[in-house]
PDB file of N, CA and C in Angstrom:
ATOM      1  N   UNK A   1     -44.780  25.174   9.081  1.00  0.00           N
ATOM      2  CA  UNK A   1     -43.908  23.627   9.381  1.00  0.00           C
ATOM      3  C   UNK A   1     -42.779  24.088  10.006  1.00  0.00           C
ATOM      4  N   UNK A   2     -42.707  23.669  11.325  1.00  0.00           N
ATOM      5  CA  UNK A   2     -40.919  23.351  12.137  1.00  0.00           C
ATOM      6  C   UNK A   2     -40.084  22.848  11.654  1.00  0.00           C
ATOM      7  N   UNK A   3     -38.895  22.762  11.961  1.00  0.00           N
ATOM      8  CA  UNK A   3     -38.135  22.294  11.163  1.00  0.00           C
ATOM      9  C   UNK A   3     -37.905  21.054  13.053  1.00  0.00           C
ATOM     10  N   UNK A   4     -37.619  19.894  12.534  1.00  0.00           N
ATOM     11  CA  UNK A   4     -36.684  19.068  13.517  1.00  0.00           C
ATOM     12  C   UNK A   4     -35.722  19.747  14.514  1.00  0.00           C
ATOM     13  N   UNK A   5     -35.352  19.507  15.415  1.00  0.00           N
ATOM     14  CA  UNK A   5     -34.386  20.381  16.379  1.00  0.00           C
ATOM     15  C   UNK A   5     -34.064  18.890  17.100  1.00  0.00           C
ATOM     16  N   UNK A   6     -32.507  18.898  16.484  1.00  0.00           N
ATOM     17  CA  UNK A   6     -31.374  17.686  17.151  1.00  0.00           C
ATOM     18  C   UNK A   6     -31.060  18.259  18.465  1.00  0.00           C
ATOM     19  N   UNK A   7     -31.383  17.131  19.250  1.00  0.00           N
ATOM     20  CA  UNK A   7     -31.150  17.341  20.334  1.00  0.00           C
ATOM     21  C   UNK A   7     -29.472  17.513  21.166  1.00  0.00           C
ATOM     22  N   UNK A   8     -28.952  16.046  20.466  1.00  0.00           N
ATOM     23  CA  UNK A   8     -27.605  15.783  20.703  1.00  0.00           C
ATOM     24  C   UNK A   8     -26.906  15.798  19.207  1.00  0.00           C
ATOM     25  N   UNK A   9     -25.211  16.472  19.021  1.00  0.00           N
ATOM     26  CA  UNK A   9     -24.817  15.679  17.959  1.00  0.00           C
ATOM     27  C   UNK A   9     -23.726  14.674  18.496  1.00  0.00           C
ATOM     28  N   UNK A  10     -23.721  13.693  17.272  1.00  0.00           N
ATOM     29  CA  UNK A  10     -22.810  12.409  17.200  1.00  0.00           C
ATOM     30  C   UNK A  10     -21.599  12.574  17.364  1.00  0.00           C
ATOM     31  N   UNK A  11     -20.902  12.627  18.452  1.00  0.00           N
ATOM     32  CA  UNK A  11     -19.251  12.275  17.544  1.00  0.00           C
ATOM     33  C   UNK A  11     -18.775  11.324  16.983  1.00  0.00           C
ATOM     34  N   UNK A  12     -18.359  11.933  16.085  1.00  0.00           N
ATOM     35  CA  UNK A  12     -17.535  10.842  15.207  1.00  0.00           C
ATOM     36  C   UNK A  12     -16.771   9.868  15.792  1.00  0.00           C
ATOM     37  N   UNK A  13     -16.681   8.542  16.084  1.00  0.00           N
ATOM     38  CA  UNK A  13     -16.177   7.155  16.456  1.00  0.00           C
ATOM     39  C   UNK A  13     -14.919   7.865  15.731  1.00  0.00           C
ATOM     40  N   UNK A  14     -13.507   8.061  16.561  1.00  0.00           N
ATOM     41  CA  UNK A  14     -11.953   8.272  15.997  1.00  0.00           C
ATOM     42  C   UNK A  14     -11.484   7.143  17.256  1.00  0.00           C
ATOM     43  N   UNK A  15     -11.109   5.743  16.461  1.00  0.00           N
ATOM     44  CA  UNK A  15     -10.084   4.975  17.449  1.00  0.00           C
ATOM     45  C   UNK A  15      -9.168   5.461  17.244  1.00  0.00           C
ATOM     46  N   UNK A  16      -8.535   5.071  18.978  1.00  0.00           N
ATOM     47  CA  UNK A  16      -7.278   5.504  19.373  1.00  0.00           C
ATOM     48  C   UNK A  16      -6.288   4.682  19.063  1.00  0.00           C
ATOM     49  N   UNK A  17      -5.511   4.085  18.476  1.00  0.00           N
ATOM     50  CA  UNK A  17      -4.484   3.069  18.004  1.00  0.00           C
ATOM     51  C   UNK A  17      -2.960   3.325  18.536  1.00  0.00           C
ATOM     52  N   UNK A  18      -2.234   2.877  18.912  1.00  0.00           N
ATOM     53  CA  UNK A  18      -0.926   3.158  19.738  1.00  0.00           C
ATOM     54  C   UNK A  18      -0.053   2.182  18.541  1.00  0.00           C
ATOM     55  N   UNK A  19       0.205   2.776  17.176  1.00  0.00           N
ATOM     56  CA  UNK A  19       0.840   2.460  15.990  1.00  0.00           C
ATOM     57  C   UNK A  19       2.335   1.337  16.617  1.00  0.00           C
ATOM     58  N   UNK A  20       3.520   2.353  16.958  1.00  0.00           N
ATOM     59  CA  UNK A  20       4.531   1.901  17.786  1.00  0.00           C
ATOM     60  C   UNK A  20       4.179   0.501  18.273  1.00  0.00           C
ATOM     61  N   UNK A  21       3.015   0.175  19.192  1.00  0.00           N
ATOM     62  CA  UNK A  21       3.209  -0.891  20.295  1.00  0.00           C
ATOM     63  C   UNK A  21       2.602  -1.849  19.452  1.00  0.00           C
ATOM     64  N   UNK A  22       1.516  -1.523  18.115  1.00  0.00           N
ATOM     65  CA  UNK A  22       0.993  -2.471  17.492  1.00  0.00           C
ATOM     66  C   UNK A  22       2.234  -3.318  16.925  1.00  0.00           C
ATOM     67  N   UNK A  23       2.893  -2.309  15.831  1.00  0.00           N
ATOM     68  CA  UNK A  23       4.332  -2.957  15.360  1.00  0.00           C
ATOM     69  C   UNK A  23       5.376  -3.608  16.342  1.00  0.00           C
ATOM     70  N   UNK A  24       5.197  -3.137  17.192  1.00  0.00           N
ATOM     71  CA  UNK A  24       6.504  -4.212  18.786  1.00  0.00           C
ATOM     72  C   UNK A  24       5.834  -5.381  18.639  1.00  0.00           C
ATOM     73  N   UNK A  25       4.481  -5.659  18.579  1.00  0.00           N
ATOM     74  CA  UNK A  25       3.820  -6.740  19.059  1.00  0.00           C
ATOM     75  C   UNK A  25       3.744  -7.733  17.432  1.00  0.00           C
ATOM     76  N   UNK A  26       3.743  -7.359  16.437  1.00  0.00           N
ATOM     77  CA  UNK A  26       3.897  -7.810  15.542  1.00  0.00           C
ATOM     78  C   UNK A  26       5.182  -7.108  14.626  1.00  0.00           C
ATOM     79  N   UNK A  27       6.215  -8.008  14.571  1.00  0.00           N
ATOM     80  CA  UNK A  27       7.502  -6.814  13.853  1.00  0.00           C
ATOM     81  C   UNK A  27       7.541  -7.525  12.468  1.00  0.00           C
ATOM     82  N   UNK A  28       7.108  -8.376  12.159  1.00  0.00           N
ATOM     83  CA  UNK A  28       7.395  -9.562  10.442  1.00  0.00           C
ATOM     84  C   UNK A  28       6.299  -8.884  10.051  1.00  0.00           C
ATOM     85  N   UNK A  29       5.534  -8.416  10.458  1.00  0.00           N
ATOM     86  CA  UNK A  29       4.276  -8.013   9.202  1.00  0.00           C
ATOM     87  C   UNK A  29       4.598  -6.678   8.571  1.00  0.00           C
ATOM     88  N   UNK A  30       5.618  -5.194   8.637  1.00  0.00           N
ATOM     89  CA  UNK A  30       5.662  -4.678   8.206  1.00  0.00           C
ATOM     90  C   UNK A  30       6.658  -4.244   8.057  1.00  0.00           C
ATOM     91  N   UNK A  31       7.261  -3.855   6.369  1.00  0.00           N
ATOM     92  CA  UNK A  31       8.494  -3.544   6.191  1.00  0.00           C
ATOM     93  C   UNK A  31       9.092  -2.151   5.746  1.00  0.00           C
ATOM     94  N   UNK A  32       9.868  -1.804   5.750  1.00  0.00           N
ATOM     95  CA  UNK A  32      10.536  -0.240   5.386  1.00  0.00           C
ATOM     96  C   UNK A  32      11.452  -0.157   3.866  1.00  0.00           C
ATOM     97  N   UNK A  33      10.164   0.332   2.927  1.00  0.00           N
ATOM     98  CA  UNK A  33      10.718   0.307   1.708  1.00  0.00           C
ATOM     99  C   UNK A  33      12.230   1.080   1.642  1.00  0.00           C
ATOM    100  N   UNK A  34      13.037   0.606   0.959  1.00  0.00           N
ATOM    101  CA  UNK A  34      14.117   1.426   0.965  1.00  0.00           C
ATOM    102  C   UNK A  34      14.152   1.973  -0.276  1.00  0.00           C
ATOM    103  N   UNK A  35      13.441   2.203  -1.468  1.00  0.00           N
ATOM    104  CA  UNK A  35      13.232   2.483  -2.458  1.00  0.00           C
ATOM    105  C   UNK A  35      12.430   4.037  -2.381  1.00  0.00           C
ATOM    106  N   UNK A  36      11.446   3.992  -1.664  1.00  0.00           N
ATOM    107  CA  UNK A  36      10.662   4.927  -1.572  1.00  0.00           C
ATOM    108  C   UNK A  36      11.333   6.009  -0.474  1.00  0.00           C
ATOM    109  N   UNK A  37      10.887   7.335  -0.345  1.00  0.00           N
ATOM    110  CA  UNK A  37      11.537   8.270   0.304  1.00  0.00           C
ATOM    111  C   UNK A  37      10.078   8.419   1.606  1.00  0.00           C
ATOM    112  N   UNK A  38      10.902   8.846   2.984  1.00  0.00           N
ATOM    113  CA  UNK A  38      10.176   8.916   3.676  1.00  0.00           C
ATOM    114  C   UNK A  38      10.085   7.871   5.064  1.00  0.00           C
ATOM    115  N   UNK A  39      10.829   6.710   4.387  1.00  0.00           N
ATOM    116  CA  UNK A  39      10.708   5.670   5.312  1.00  0.00           C
ATOM    117  C   UNK A  39       9.559   5.189   5.030  1.00  0.00           C
ATOM    118  N   UNK A  40       8.582   4.766   4.187  1.00  0.00           N
ATOM    119  CA  UNK A  40       7.733   4.385   3.918  1.00  0.00           C
ATOM    120  C   UNK A  40       7.464   2.856   4.641  1.00  0.00           C
ATOM    121  N   UNK A  41       6.569   2.591   5.455  1.00  0.00           N
ATOM    122  CA  UNK A  41       6.115   0.822   5.982  1.00  0.00           C
ATOM    123  C   UNK A  41       5.159   0.684   5.156  1.00  0.00           C
ATOM    124  N   UNK A  42       5.088  -0.682   4.878  1.00  0.00           N
ATOM    125  CA  UNK A  42       3.899  -1.121   4.281  1.00  0.00           C
ATOM    126  C   UNK A  42       4.189  -2.719   4.250  1.00  0.00           C
ATOM    127  N   UNK A  43       2.878  -3.483   3.920  1.00  0.00           N
ATOM    128  CA  UNK A  43       3.441  -4.611   3.951  1.00  0.00           C
ATOM    129  C   UNK A  43       4.173  -5.316   3.216  1.00  0.00           C
ATOM    130  N   UNK A  44       4.507  -6.702   3.187  1.00  0.00           N
ATOM    131  CA  UNK A  44       5.145  -7.626   2.279  1.00  0.00           C
ATOM    132  C   UNK A  44       4.557  -7.350   1.360  1.00  0.00           C
ATOM    133  N   UNK A  45       3.128  -7.752   1.398  1.00  0.00           N
ATOM    134  CA  UNK A  45       2.218  -8.162   0.388  1.00  0.00           C
ATOM    135  C   UNK A  45       1.889  -6.803  -0.664  1.00  0.00           C
ATOM    136  N   UNK A  46       1.754  -6.299  -0.144  1.00  0.00           N
ATOM    137  CA  UNK A  46       2.051  -4.604  -0.357  1.00  0.00           C
ATOM    138  C   UNK A  46       2.651  -4.220  -1.479  1.00  0.00           C
ATOM    139  N   UNK A  47       4.133  -4.441  -1.122  1.00  0.00           N
ATOM    140  CA  UNK A  47       5.553  -4.690  -1.631  1.00  0.00           C
ATOM    141  C   UNK A  47       5.400  -5.513  -2.831  1.00  0.00           C
ATOM    142  N   UNK A  48       4.912  -6.107  -3.100  1.00  0.00           N
ATOM    143  CA  UNK A  48       5.158  -7.696  -3.926  1.00  0.00           C
ATOM    144  C   UNK A  48       3.952  -6.860  -4.967  1.00  0.00           C
ATOM    145  N   UNK A  49       2.777  -6.592  -4.507  1.00  0.00           N
ATOM    146  CA  UNK A  49       1.569  -5.907  -5.442  1.00  0.00           C
ATOM    147  C   UNK A  49       2.676  -4.575  -5.805  1.00  0.00           C
ATOM    148  N   UNK A  50       3.415  -3.630  -5.450  1.00  0.00           N
ATOM    149  CA  UNK A  50       3.783  -2.686  -6.153  1.00  0.00           C
ATOM    150  C   UNK A  50       4.694  -2.917  -7.124  1.00  0.00           C
ATOM    151  N   UNK A  51       5.619  -4.142  -6.836  1.00  0.00           N
ATOM    152  CA  UNK A  51       6.003  -4.474  -7.806  1.00  0.00           C
ATOM    153  C   UNK A  51       5.921  -5.018  -9.237  1.00  0.00           C
ATOM    154  N   UNK A  52       4.341  -5.697  -8.725  1.00  0.00           N
ATOM    155  CA  UNK A  52       3.771  -6.067 -10.115  1.00  0.00           C
ATOM    156  C   UNK A  52       3.196  -5.733 -10.858  1.00  0.00           C
ATOM    157  N   UNK A  53       2.755  -4.757 -10.172  1.00  0.00           N
ATOM    158  CA  UNK A  53       2.035  -3.250 -11.070  1.00  0.00           C
ATOM    159  C   UNK A  53       3.273  -2.683 -11.152  1.00  0.00           C
ATOM    160  N   UNK A  54       4.227  -2.138 -11.159  1.00  0.00           N
ATOM    161  CA  UNK A  54       5.351  -1.323 -11.642  1.00  0.00           C
ATOM    162  C   UNK A  54       5.805  -2.495 -13.085  1.00  0.00           C
ATOM    163  N   UNK A  55       5.502  -3.399 -13.136  1.00  0.00           N
ATOM    164  CA  UNK A  55       6.346  -4.409 -13.845  1.00  0.00           C
ATOM    165  C   UNK A  55       4.981  -4.421 -15.265  1.00  0.00           C
ATOM    166  N   UNK A  56       4.004  -4.184 -14.923  1.00  0.00           N
ATOM    167  CA  UNK A  56       2.777  -4.272 -15.988  1.00  0.00           C
ATOM    168  C   UNK A  56       3.101  -3.353 -17.063  1.00  0.00           C
ATOM    169  N   UNK A  57       2.789  -3.910 -18.191  1.00  0.00           N
ATOM    170  CA  UNK A  57       2.923  -2.938 -19.417  1.00  0.00           C
ATOM    171  C   UNK A  57       1.914  -1.761 -19.457  1.00  0.00           C
ATOM    172  N   UNK A  58       1.104  -1.553 -18.776  1.00  0.00           N
ATOM    173  CA  UNK A  58       0.282  -0.197 -18.416  1.00  0.00           C
ATOM    174  C   UNK A  58       0.650   0.363 -18.194  1.00  0.00           C
ATOM    175  N   UNK A  59       1.239   0.423 -16.734  1.00  0.00           N
ATOM    176  CA  UNK A  59       1.789   1.308 -15.665  1.00  0.00           C
ATOM    177  C   UNK A  59       3.581   1.463 -16.319  1.00  0.00           C
ATOM    178  N   UNK A  60       3.828   0.843 -17.550  1.00  0.00           N
ATOM    179  CA  UNK A  60       5.297   1.211 -17.615  1.00  0.00           C
ATOM    180  C   UNK A  60       6.190   2.267 -18.173  1.00  0.00           C
ATOM    181  N   UNK A  61       5.230   2.366 -19.174  1.00  0.00           N
ATOM    182  CA  UNK A  61       5.498   3.856 -20.377  1.00  0.00           C
ATOM    183  C   UNK A  61       4.616   4.735 -19.676  1.00  0.00           C
ATOM    184  N   UNK A  62       5.863   5.772 -19.438  1.00  0.00           N
ATOM    185  CA  UNK A  62       5.593   7.001 -18.649  1.00  0.00           C
ATOM    186  C   UNK A  62       5.197   8.131 -19.760  1.00  0.00           C
ATOM    187  N   UNK A  63       4.240   8.632 -19.828  1.00  0.00           N
ATOM    188  CA  UNK A  63       3.536   9.786 -21.039  1.00  0.00           C
ATOM    189  C   UNK A  63       2.578  10.860 -20.622  1.00  0.00           C
ATOM    190  N   UNK A  64       2.163  11.351 -21.560  1.00  0.00           N
ATOM    191  CA  UNK A  64       1.443  12.407 -21.488  1.00  0.00           C
ATOM    192  C   UNK A  64      -0.154  12.354 -21.110  1.00  0.00           C
ATOM    193  N   UNK A  65      -0.075  11.826 -19.515  1.00  0.00           N
ATOM    194  CA  UNK A  65      -1.349  11.285 -18.731  1.00  0.00           C
ATOM    195  C   UNK A  65      -1.861  12.357 -17.727  1.00  0.00           C
ATOM    196  N   UNK A  66      -3.118  12.546 -17.440  1.00  0.00           N
ATOM    197  CA  UNK A  66      -3.456  13.259 -16.240  1.00  0.00           C
ATOM    198  C   UNK A  66      -2.410  12.939 -15.093  1.00  0.00           C
ATOM    199  N   UNK A  67      -2.081  14.412 -14.882  1.00  0.00           N
ATOM    200  CA  UNK A  67      -1.373  14.228 -13.803  1.00  0.00           C
ATOM    201  C   UNK A  67      -1.445  13.389 -12.350  1.00  0.00           C
ATOM    202  N   UNK A  68      -2.470  12.983 -11.948  1.00  0.00           N
ATOM    203  CA  UNK A  68      -2.618  11.910 -10.957  1.00  0.00           C
ATOM    204  C   UNK A  68      -2.104  10.501 -11.523  1.00  0.00           C
ATOM    205  N   UNK A  69      -2.477  10.195 -12.387  1.00  0.00           N
ATOM    206  CA  UNK A  69      -1.751   8.829 -13.097  1.00  0.00           C
ATOM    207  C   UNK A  69      -0.288   9.306 -13.458  1.00  0.00           C
ATOM    208  N   UNK A  70       0.071  10.046 -13.709  1.00  0.00           N
ATOM    209  CA  UNK A  70       1.752  10.562 -14.012  1.00  0.00           C
ATOM    210  C   UNK A  70       2.464  10.530 -12.640  1.00  0.00           C
ATOM    211  N   UNK A  71       1.869  10.854 -11.631  1.00  0.00           N
ATOM    212  CA  UNK A  71       2.712  10.566 -10.400  1.00  0.00           C
ATOM    213  C   UNK A  71       2.451   9.360  -9.632  1.00  0.00           C
ATOM    214  N   UNK A  72       1.484   8.453 -10.203  1.00  0.00           N
ATOM    215  CA  UNK A  72       1.169   7.312  -9.609  1.00  0.00           C
ATOM    216  C   UNK A  72       2.333   6.462 -10.267  1.00  0.00           C
ATOM    217  N   UNK A  73       2.459   6.677 -11.730  1.00  0.00           N
ATOM    218  CA  UNK A  73       3.108   6.199 -12.423  1.00  0.00           C
ATOM    219  C   UNK A  73       4.860   6.235 -11.706  1.00  0.00           C
ATOM    220  N   UNK A  74       5.179   7.254 -11.570  1.00  0.00           N
ATOM    221  CA  UNK A  74       6.531   8.041 -11.150  1.00  0.00           C
ATOM    222  C   UNK A  74       6.808   7.604  -9.706  1.00  0.00           C
ATOM    223  N   UNK A  75       5.748   6.992  -9.478  1.00  0.00           N
ATOM    224  CA  UNK A  75       5.948   6.213  -7.410  1.00  0.00           C
ATOM    225  C   UNK A  75       6.047   4.933  -7.328  1.00  0.00           C
ATOM    226  N   UNK A  76       5.777   4.279  -8.789  1.00  0.00           N
ATOM    227  CA  UNK A  76       6.064   2.718  -9.283  1.00  0.00           C
ATOM    228  C   UNK A  76       7.824   2.895 -10.195  1.00  0.00           C
ATOM    229  N   UNK A  77       8.275   3.645 -10.339  1.00  0.00           N
ATOM    230  CA  UNK A  77       9.885   3.570 -10.535  1.00  0.00           C
ATOM    231  C   UNK A  77      10.440   2.902 -10.034  1.00  0.00           C
ATOM    232  N   UNK A  78      10.601   3.182  -8.716  1.00  0.00           N
ATOM    233  CA  UNK A  78      11.299   2.667  -7.623  1.00  0.00           C
ATOM    234  C   UNK A  78      11.427   1.104  -7.438  1.00  0.00           C
ATOM    235  N   UNK A  79       9.928   0.261  -7.655  1.00  0.00           N
ATOM    236  CA  UNK A  79       9.702  -0.664  -7.854  1.00  0.00           C
ATOM    237  C   UNK A  79      10.140  -1.799  -8.954  1.00  0.00           C
ATOM    238  N   UNK A  80      10.145  -0.981 -10.158  1.00  0.00           N
ATOM    239  CA  UNK A  80      10.620  -1.575 -11.140  1.00  0.00           C
ATOM    240  C   UNK A  80      11.604  -3.030 -11.063  1.00  0.00           C
ATOM    241  N   UNK A  81      12.857  -2.606 -10.354  1.00  0.00           N
ATOM    242  CA  UNK A  81      13.919  -3.508 -10.232  1.00  0.00           C
ATOM    243  C   UNK A  81      14.105  -4.023  -9.205  1.00  0.00           C
ATOM    244  N   UNK A  82      13.421  -4.046  -7.985  1.00  0.00           N
ATOM    245  CA  UNK A  82      13.882  -4.089  -6.437  1.00  0.00           C
ATOM    246  C   UNK A  82      13.772  -5.319  -6.357  1.00  0.00           C
ATOM    247  N   UNK A  83      14.806  -6.066  -5.625  1.00  0.00           N
ATOM    248  CA  UNK A  83      14.990  -6.781  -5.268  1.00  0.00           C
ATOM    249  C   UNK A  83      13.715  -7.769  -4.126  1.00  0.00           C
ATOM    250  N   UNK A  84      13.593  -6.921  -3.599  1.00  0.00           N
ATOM    251  CA  UNK A  84      12.926  -6.659  -2.740  1.00  0.00           C
ATOM    252  C   UNK A  84      11.331  -7.135  -2.794  1.00  0.00           C
ATOM    253  N   UNK A  85      11.272  -6.341  -3.581  1.00  0.00           N
ATOM    254  CA  UNK A  85       9.736  -6.315  -4.470  1.00  0.00           C
ATOM    255  C   UNK A  85       9.617  -7.624  -4.983  1.00  0.00           C
ATOM    256  N   UNK A  86      10.988  -7.605  -6.228  1.00  0.00           N
ATOM    257  CA  UNK A  86      10.650  -9.524  -6.686  1.00  0.00           C
ATOM    258  C   UNK A  86      10.577 -10.666  -5.673  1.00  0.00           C
ATOM    259  N   UNK A  87      11.494 -10.630  -4.279  1.00  0.00           N
ATOM    260  CA  UNK A  87      11.142 -11.845  -3.965  1.00  0.00           C
ATOM    261  C   UNK A  87      10.234 -11.812  -2.903  1.00  0.00           C
ATOM    262  N   UNK A  88       9.236 -10.711  -2.343  1.00  0.00           N
ATOM    263  CA  UNK A  88       7.891 -10.773  -1.870  1.00  0.00           C
ATOM    264  C   UNK A  88       6.882 -10.837  -2.914  1.00  0.00           C
ATOM    265  N   UNK A  89       6.931 -10.588  -3.918  1.00  0.00           N
ATOM    266  CA  UNK A  89       6.441 -11.049  -5.143  1.00  0.00           C
ATOM    267  C   UNK A  89       6.264 -12.589  -5.600  1.00  0.00           C
ATOM    268  N   UNK A  90       7.624 -13.421  -5.645  1.00  0.00           N
ATOM    269  CA  UNK A  90       7.216 -14.667  -5.749  1.00  0.00           C
ATOM    270  C   UNK A  90       6.729 -15.829  -4.224  1.00  0.00           C
ATOM    271  N   UNK A  91       7.435 -14.845  -3.118  1.00  0.00           N
ATOM    272  CA  UNK A  91       6.225 -15.479  -2.220  1.00  0.00           C
ATOM    273  C   UNK A  91       4.671 -15.470  -2.382  1.00  0.00           C
ATOM    274  N   UNK A  92       4.220 -14.102  -2.488  1.00  0.00           N
ATOM    275  CA  UNK A  92       2.915 -14.417  -2.320  1.00  0.00           C
ATOM    276  C   UNK A  92       2.539 -14.726  -4.190  1.00  0.00           C
ATOM    277  N   UNK A  93       2.674 -15.189  -5.105  1.00  0.00           N
ATOM    278  CA  UNK A  93       2.629 -16.049  -6.180  1.00  0.00           C
ATOM    279  C   UNK A  93       2.485 -17.862  -5.369  1.00  0.00           C
ATOM    280  N   UNK A  94       3.540 -18.040  -4.690  1.00  0.00           N
ATOM    281  CA  UNK A  94       4.113 -19.513  -4.072  1.00  0.00           C
ATOM    282  C   UNK A  94       2.887 -19.852  -2.938  1.00  0.00           C
ATOM    283  N   UNK A  95       2.449 -18.538  -2.381  1.00  0.00           N
ATOM    284  CA  UNK A  95       1.405 -18.526  -1.497  1.00  0.00           C
ATOM    285  C   UNK A  95      -0.316 -19.205  -2.034  1.00  0.00           C
ATOM    286  N   UNK A  96      -0.288 -17.984  -3.501  1.00  0.00           N
ATOM    287  CA  UNK A  96      -1.984 -18.322  -3.884  1.00  0.00           C
ATOM    288  C   UNK A  96      -1.164 -19.660  -4.978  1.00  0.00           C
ATOM    289  N   UNK A  97      -0.300 -19.874  -5.363  1.00  0.00           N
ATOM    290  CA  UNK A  97      -0.763 -21.099  -5.938  1.00  0.00           C
ATOM    291  C   UNK A  97      -0.938 -22.284  -4.552  1.00  0.00           C
ATOM    292  N   UNK A  98      -0.169 -22.508  -3.592  1.00  0.00           N
ATOM    293  CA  UNK A  98      -0.560 -23.095  -2.612  1.00  0.00           C
ATOM    294  C   UNK A  98      -1.974 -23.427  -2.312  1.00  0.00           C
ATOM    295  N   UNK A  99      -2.624 -22.332  -1.752  1.00  0.00           N
ATOM    296  CA  UNK A  99      -4.089 -22.072  -1.752  1.00  0.00           C
ATOM    297  C   UNK A  99      -4.888 -22.693  -2.802  1.00  0.00           C
ATOM    298  N   UNK A 100      -4.163 -22.396  -4.121  1.00  0.00           N
ATOM    299  CA  UNK A 100      -5.542 -23.504  -5.041  1.00  0.00           C
ATOM    300  C   UNK A 100      -5.727 -24.203  -5.198  1.00  0.00           C
ATOM    301  N   UNK A 101      -4.489 -25.046  -4.775  1.00  0.00           N
ATOM    302  CA  UNK A 101      -4.359 -25.875  -5.032  1.00  0.00           C
ATOM    303  C   UNK A 101      -5.064 -27.232  -3.903  1.00  0.00           C
TER     304      UNK A 101
END
């Protein structure tokens, strides 16, 4: 029995996005986090969600967990008492309440 021959290999689709141009067109969407290393850029919603997750009881205690969970918890430590994250979380909750009403 012969195998089917593939005549052409399909190249994977890789979009080309100029991130600096997008950031210039949308200046208020992304913020630079002062609490994370490497000039982390994230949306205000992501910042709010990190702040809320950092203050959840299940992520607050750091103990003997698997390594990937330990790293995740350690990355949330700067978000616990972050004033910017608290403000973004407050705005996110207000928006959610307005949409529900």
